[in-house]
Amino acid sequence: MEEKKIKFRESITPKGILILAGKNSKNNEELVAQAGKEEFVFHTVLPGSPFVNLKGKPKKEDLRYAAIFCARYSKDWRDNKKDVLIHIFRGKDIYKEKTMKEGTFGIKKFSKILVKKNEIEDFLHQKV
């Protein structure tokens, strides 16, 4: 029996840039595999969030929007309803060792974005 491929969660930034997000550990593996070397990828500092890939050539506001999108679907937000700290990195900075479990990756170089509680709440109230 053929295994069903899970589609990514998708969104579009207000500037028209595509955002893809994993739905589970297997889907996160697929998402990281398809991310371009120079594309931006996001994940919460704490475990339990989708990997989020921003396609194309985003502007600063697109990066912020993708970080909010990542935070919104995280366990950190679900469990705590407070500010969420996000790692942002490029596809080329992701690595996988054989001992790492499915959906887990290492990051060589990253920046951090603090997503405020009110930004996530505003995102949730947008008409999508």
C-alpha atoms as a PDB file:
ATOM      1  CA  MET A   1       0.000   0.000   0.000  1.00  0.00           C
ATOM      2  CA  GLU A   2       1.398   3.385  -1.000  1.00  0.00           C
ATOM      3  CA  GLU A   3       2.045   5.843   1.832  1.00  0.00           C
ATOM      4  CA  LYS A   4      -0.017   9.031   1.583  1.00  0.00           C
ATOM      5  CA  LYS A   5       2.108  12.182   1.365  1.00  0.00           C
ATOM      6  CA  ILE A   6       0.925  14.863   3.775  1.00  0.00           C
ATOM      7  CA  LYS A   7       0.557  18.349   2.357  1.00  0.00           C
ATOM      8  CA  PHE A   8       2.260  21.185   4.173  1.00  0.00           C
ATOM      9  CA  ARG A   9       0.316  23.837   6.040  1.00  0.00           C
ATOM     10  CA  GLU A  10       0.425  26.928   3.783  1.00  0.00           C
ATOM     11  CA  SER A  11       0.008  30.665   4.082  1.00  0.00           C
ATOM     12  CA  ILE A  12       0.882  33.756   2.079  1.00  0.00           C
ATOM     13  CA  THR A  13       2.478  36.831   3.630  1.00  0.00           C
ATOM     14  CA  PRO A  14       0.774  40.202   3.075  1.00  0.00           C
ATOM     15  CA  LYS A  15       3.545  40.880   0.490  1.00  0.00           C
ATOM     16  CA  GLY A  16       2.666  37.669  -1.418  1.00  0.00           C
ATOM     17  CA  ILE A  17       5.467  35.310  -0.313  1.00  0.00           C
ATOM     18  CA  LEU A  18       4.581  31.617   0.161  1.00  0.00           C
ATOM     19  CA  ILE A  19       5.031  30.059   3.614  1.00  0.00           C
ATOM     20  CA  LEU A  20       5.137  26.278   4.082  1.00  0.00           C
ATOM     21  CA  ALA A  21       4.987  24.562   7.492  1.00  0.00           C
ATOM     22  CA  GLY A  22       5.295  20.955   8.583  1.00  0.00           C
ATOM     23  CA  LYS A  23       2.421  19.214  10.385  1.00  0.00           C
ATOM     24  CA  ASN A  24       4.344  16.443  12.178  1.00  0.00           C
ATOM     25  CA  SER A  25       7.871  15.000  12.465  1.00  0.00           C
ATOM     26  CA  LYS A  26       7.710  13.127   9.134  1.00  0.00           C
ATOM     27  CA  ASN A  27       6.296  16.189   7.395  1.00  0.00           C
ATOM     28  CA  ASN A  28       9.028  18.368   8.957  1.00  0.00           C
ATOM     29  CA  GLU A  29      11.609  16.005   7.389  1.00  0.00           C
ATOM     30  CA  GLU A  30       9.983  16.567   3.984  1.00  0.00           C
ATOM     31  CA  LEU A  31       9.818  20.310   4.536  1.00  0.00           C
ATOM     32  CA  VAL A  32      13.502  20.625   5.474  1.00  0.00           C
ATOM     33  CA  ALA A  33      14.485  18.422   2.509  1.00  0.00           C
ATOM     34  CA  GLN A  34      12.723  20.722   0.029  1.00  0.00           C
ATOM     35  CA  ALA A  35      13.982  24.022   1.532  1.00  0.00           C
ATOM     36  CA  GLY A  36      16.489  25.813  -0.692  1.00  0.00           C
ATOM     37  CA  LYS A  37      19.999  26.470   0.636  1.00  0.00           C
ATOM     38  CA  GLU A  38      19.431  30.246   0.729  1.00  0.00           C
ATOM     39  CA  GLU A  39      15.784  30.125   1.828  1.00  0.00           C
ATOM     40  CA  PHE A  40      14.798  31.080   5.354  1.00  0.00           C
ATOM     41  CA  VAL A  41      13.612  28.401   7.770  1.00  0.00           C
ATOM     42  CA  PHE A  42      12.050  28.969  11.208  1.00  0.00           C
ATOM     43  CA  HIS A  43      11.544  26.877  14.340  1.00  0.00           C
ATOM     44  CA  THR A  44      10.813  27.726  17.943  1.00  0.00           C
ATOM     45  CA  VAL A  45      13.731  27.702  20.386  1.00  0.00           C
ATOM     46  CA  LEU A  46      11.749  25.179  22.472  1.00  0.00           C
ATOM     47  CA  PRO A  47      10.891  21.769  20.970  1.00  0.00           C
ATOM     48  CA  GLY A  48       7.465  21.244  19.465  1.00  0.00           C
ATOM     49  CA  SER A  49       6.833  23.473  16.522  1.00  0.00           C
ATOM     50  CA  PRO A  50       6.575  23.073  12.802  1.00  0.00           C
ATOM     51  CA  PHE A  51       9.587  23.846  10.693  1.00  0.00           C
ATOM     52  CA  VAL A  52       8.498  26.780   8.556  1.00  0.00           C
ATOM     53  CA  ASN A  53      10.013  27.587   5.149  1.00  0.00           C
ATOM     54  CA  LEU A  54       9.674  31.006   3.539  1.00  0.00           C
ATOM     55  CA  LYS A  55       9.966  30.718  -0.251  1.00  0.00           C
ATOM     56  CA  GLY A  56      11.432  33.268  -2.661  1.00  0.00           C
ATOM     57  CA  LYS A  57      13.089  36.565  -1.749  1.00  0.00           C
ATOM     58  CA  PRO A  58      11.296  37.874   1.308  1.00  0.00           C
ATOM     59  CA  LYS A  59      11.435  41.360   2.798  1.00  0.00           C
ATOM     60  CA  LYS A  60      11.871  42.051   6.525  1.00  0.00           C
ATOM     61  CA  GLU A  61       8.104  42.133   7.123  1.00  0.00           C
ATOM     62  CA  ASP A  62       7.745  38.715   5.429  1.00  0.00           C
ATOM     63  CA  LEU A  63      10.307  37.284   7.883  1.00  0.00           C
ATOM     64  CA  ARG A  64       8.330  38.666  10.817  1.00  0.00           C
ATOM     65  CA  TYR A  65       5.065  37.263   9.454  1.00  0.00           C
ATOM     66  CA  ALA A  66       6.619  33.787   9.004  1.00  0.00           C
ATOM     67  CA  ALA A  67       8.004  33.918  12.562  1.00  0.00           C
ATOM     68  CA  ILE A  68       4.514  34.731  13.875  1.00  0.00           C
ATOM     69  CA  PHE A  69       3.091  31.877  11.770  1.00  0.00           C
ATOM     70  CA  CYS A  70       5.669  29.488  13.290  1.00  0.00           C
ATOM     71  CA  ALA A  71       4.925  30.685  16.832  1.00  0.00           C
ATOM     72  CA  ARG A  72       1.164  30.364  16.331  1.00  0.00           C
ATOM     73  CA  TYR A  73       1.436  26.609  15.568  1.00  0.00           C
ATOM     74  CA  SER A  74       3.953  25.827  18.342  1.00  0.00           C
ATOM     75  CA  LYS A  75       3.442  23.844  21.545  1.00  0.00           C
ATOM     76  CA  ASP A  76       5.033  26.775  23.383  1.00  0.00           C
ATOM     77  CA  TRP A  77       2.136  29.029  22.308  1.00  0.00           C
ATOM     78  CA  ARG A  78      -0.491  26.320  22.779  1.00  0.00           C
ATOM     79  CA  ASP A  79       0.662  25.535  26.326  1.00  0.00           C
ATOM     80  CA  ASN A  80       1.746  28.954  27.628  1.00  0.00           C
ATOM     81  CA  LYS A  81      -0.061  31.702  25.645  1.00  0.00           C
ATOM     82  CA  LYS A  82       2.907  34.068  26.010  1.00  0.00           C
ATOM     83  CA  ASP A  83       5.760  35.481  23.884  1.00  0.00           C
ATOM     84  CA  VAL A  84       7.538  32.831  21.775  1.00  0.00           C
ATOM     85  CA  LEU A  85      11.228  32.854  20.837  1.00  0.00           C
ATOM     86  CA  ILE A  86      11.937  31.718  17.263  1.00  0.00           C
ATOM     87  CA  HIS A  87      15.178  30.611  15.591  1.00  0.00           C
ATOM     88  CA  ILE A  88      15.615  31.810  12.001  1.00  0.00           C
ATOM     89  CA  PHE A  89      18.253  30.264   9.759  1.00  0.00           C
ATOM     90  CA  ARG A  90      19.033  29.360   6.142  1.00  0.00           C
ATOM     91  CA  GLY A  91      18.513  25.947   4.592  1.00  0.00           C
ATOM     92  CA  LYS A  92      22.290  25.566   4.213  1.00  0.00           C
ATOM     93  CA  ASP A  93      22.726  25.831   8.016  1.00  0.00           C
ATOM     94  CA  ILE A  94      20.591  22.761   8.792  1.00  0.00           C
ATOM     95  CA  TYR A  95      22.217  19.392   9.386  1.00  0.00           C
ATOM     96  CA  LYS A  96      21.021  15.920  10.333  1.00  0.00           C
ATOM     97  CA  GLU A  97      23.029  13.280  12.171  1.00  0.00           C
ATOM     98  CA  LYS A  98      22.100   9.591  12.022  1.00  0.00           C
ATOM     99  CA  THR A  99      21.413   9.503  15.768  1.00  0.00           C
ATOM    100  CA  MET A 100      18.827  12.323  15.605  1.00  0.00           C
ATOM    101  CA  LYS A 101      15.206  11.203  15.772  1.00  0.00           C
ATOM    102  CA  GLU A 102      12.734  11.904  12.978  1.00  0.00           C
ATOM    103  CA  GLY A 103      11.838  15.592  12.689  1.00  0.00           C
ATOM    104  CA  THR A 104      14.903  16.727  14.666  1.00  0.00           C
ATOM    105  CA  PHE A 105      17.738  18.734  13.141  1.00  0.00           C
ATOM    106  CA  GLY A 106      20.804  20.656  14.176  1.00  0.00           C
ATOM    107  CA  ILE A 107      21.469  24.253  13.183  1.00  0.00           C
ATOM    108  CA  LYS A 108      24.946  25.687  12.527  1.00  0.00           C
ATOM    109  CA  LYS A 109      24.102  29.397  12.432  1.00  0.00           C
ATOM    110  CA  PHE A 110      20.909  31.189  13.451  1.00  0.00           C
ATOM    111  CA  SER A 111      19.334  34.430  14.628  1.00  0.00           C
ATOM    112  CA  LYS A 112      16.464  34.837  17.064  1.00  0.00           C
ATOM    113  CA  ILE A 113      13.165  36.669  16.741  1.00  0.00           C
ATOM    114  CA  LEU A 114      10.943  37.278  19.755  1.00  0.00           C
ATOM    115  CA  VAL A 115       7.294  37.038  18.733  1.00  0.00           C
ATOM    116  CA  LYS A 116       5.086  38.937  21.155  1.00  0.00           C
ATOM    117  CA  LYS A 117       1.879  37.482  22.546  1.00  0.00           C
ATOM    118  CA  ASN A 118      -0.201  40.294  21.025  1.00  0.00           C
ATOM    119  CA  GLU A 119       1.275  39.607  17.547  1.00  0.00           C
ATOM    120  CA  ILE A 120       0.093  35.994  17.728  1.00  0.00           C
ATOM    121  CA  GLU A 121      -3.329  37.049  19.020  1.00  0.00           C
ATOM    122  CA  ASP A 122      -3.636  39.615  16.188  1.00  0.00           C
ATOM    123  CA  PHE A 123      -2.639  36.898  13.672  1.00  0.00           C
ATOM    124  CA  LEU A 124      -5.333  34.593  15.059  1.00  0.00           C
ATOM    125  CA  HIS A 125      -7.998  37.272  14.608  1.00  0.00           C
ATOM    126  CA  GLN A 126      -7.159  38.005  10.960  1.00  0.00           C
ATOM    127  CA  LYS A 127      -9.647  36.885   8.352  1.00  0.00           C
ATOM    128  CA  VAL A 128      -7.842  34.161   6.410  1.00  0.00           C
END
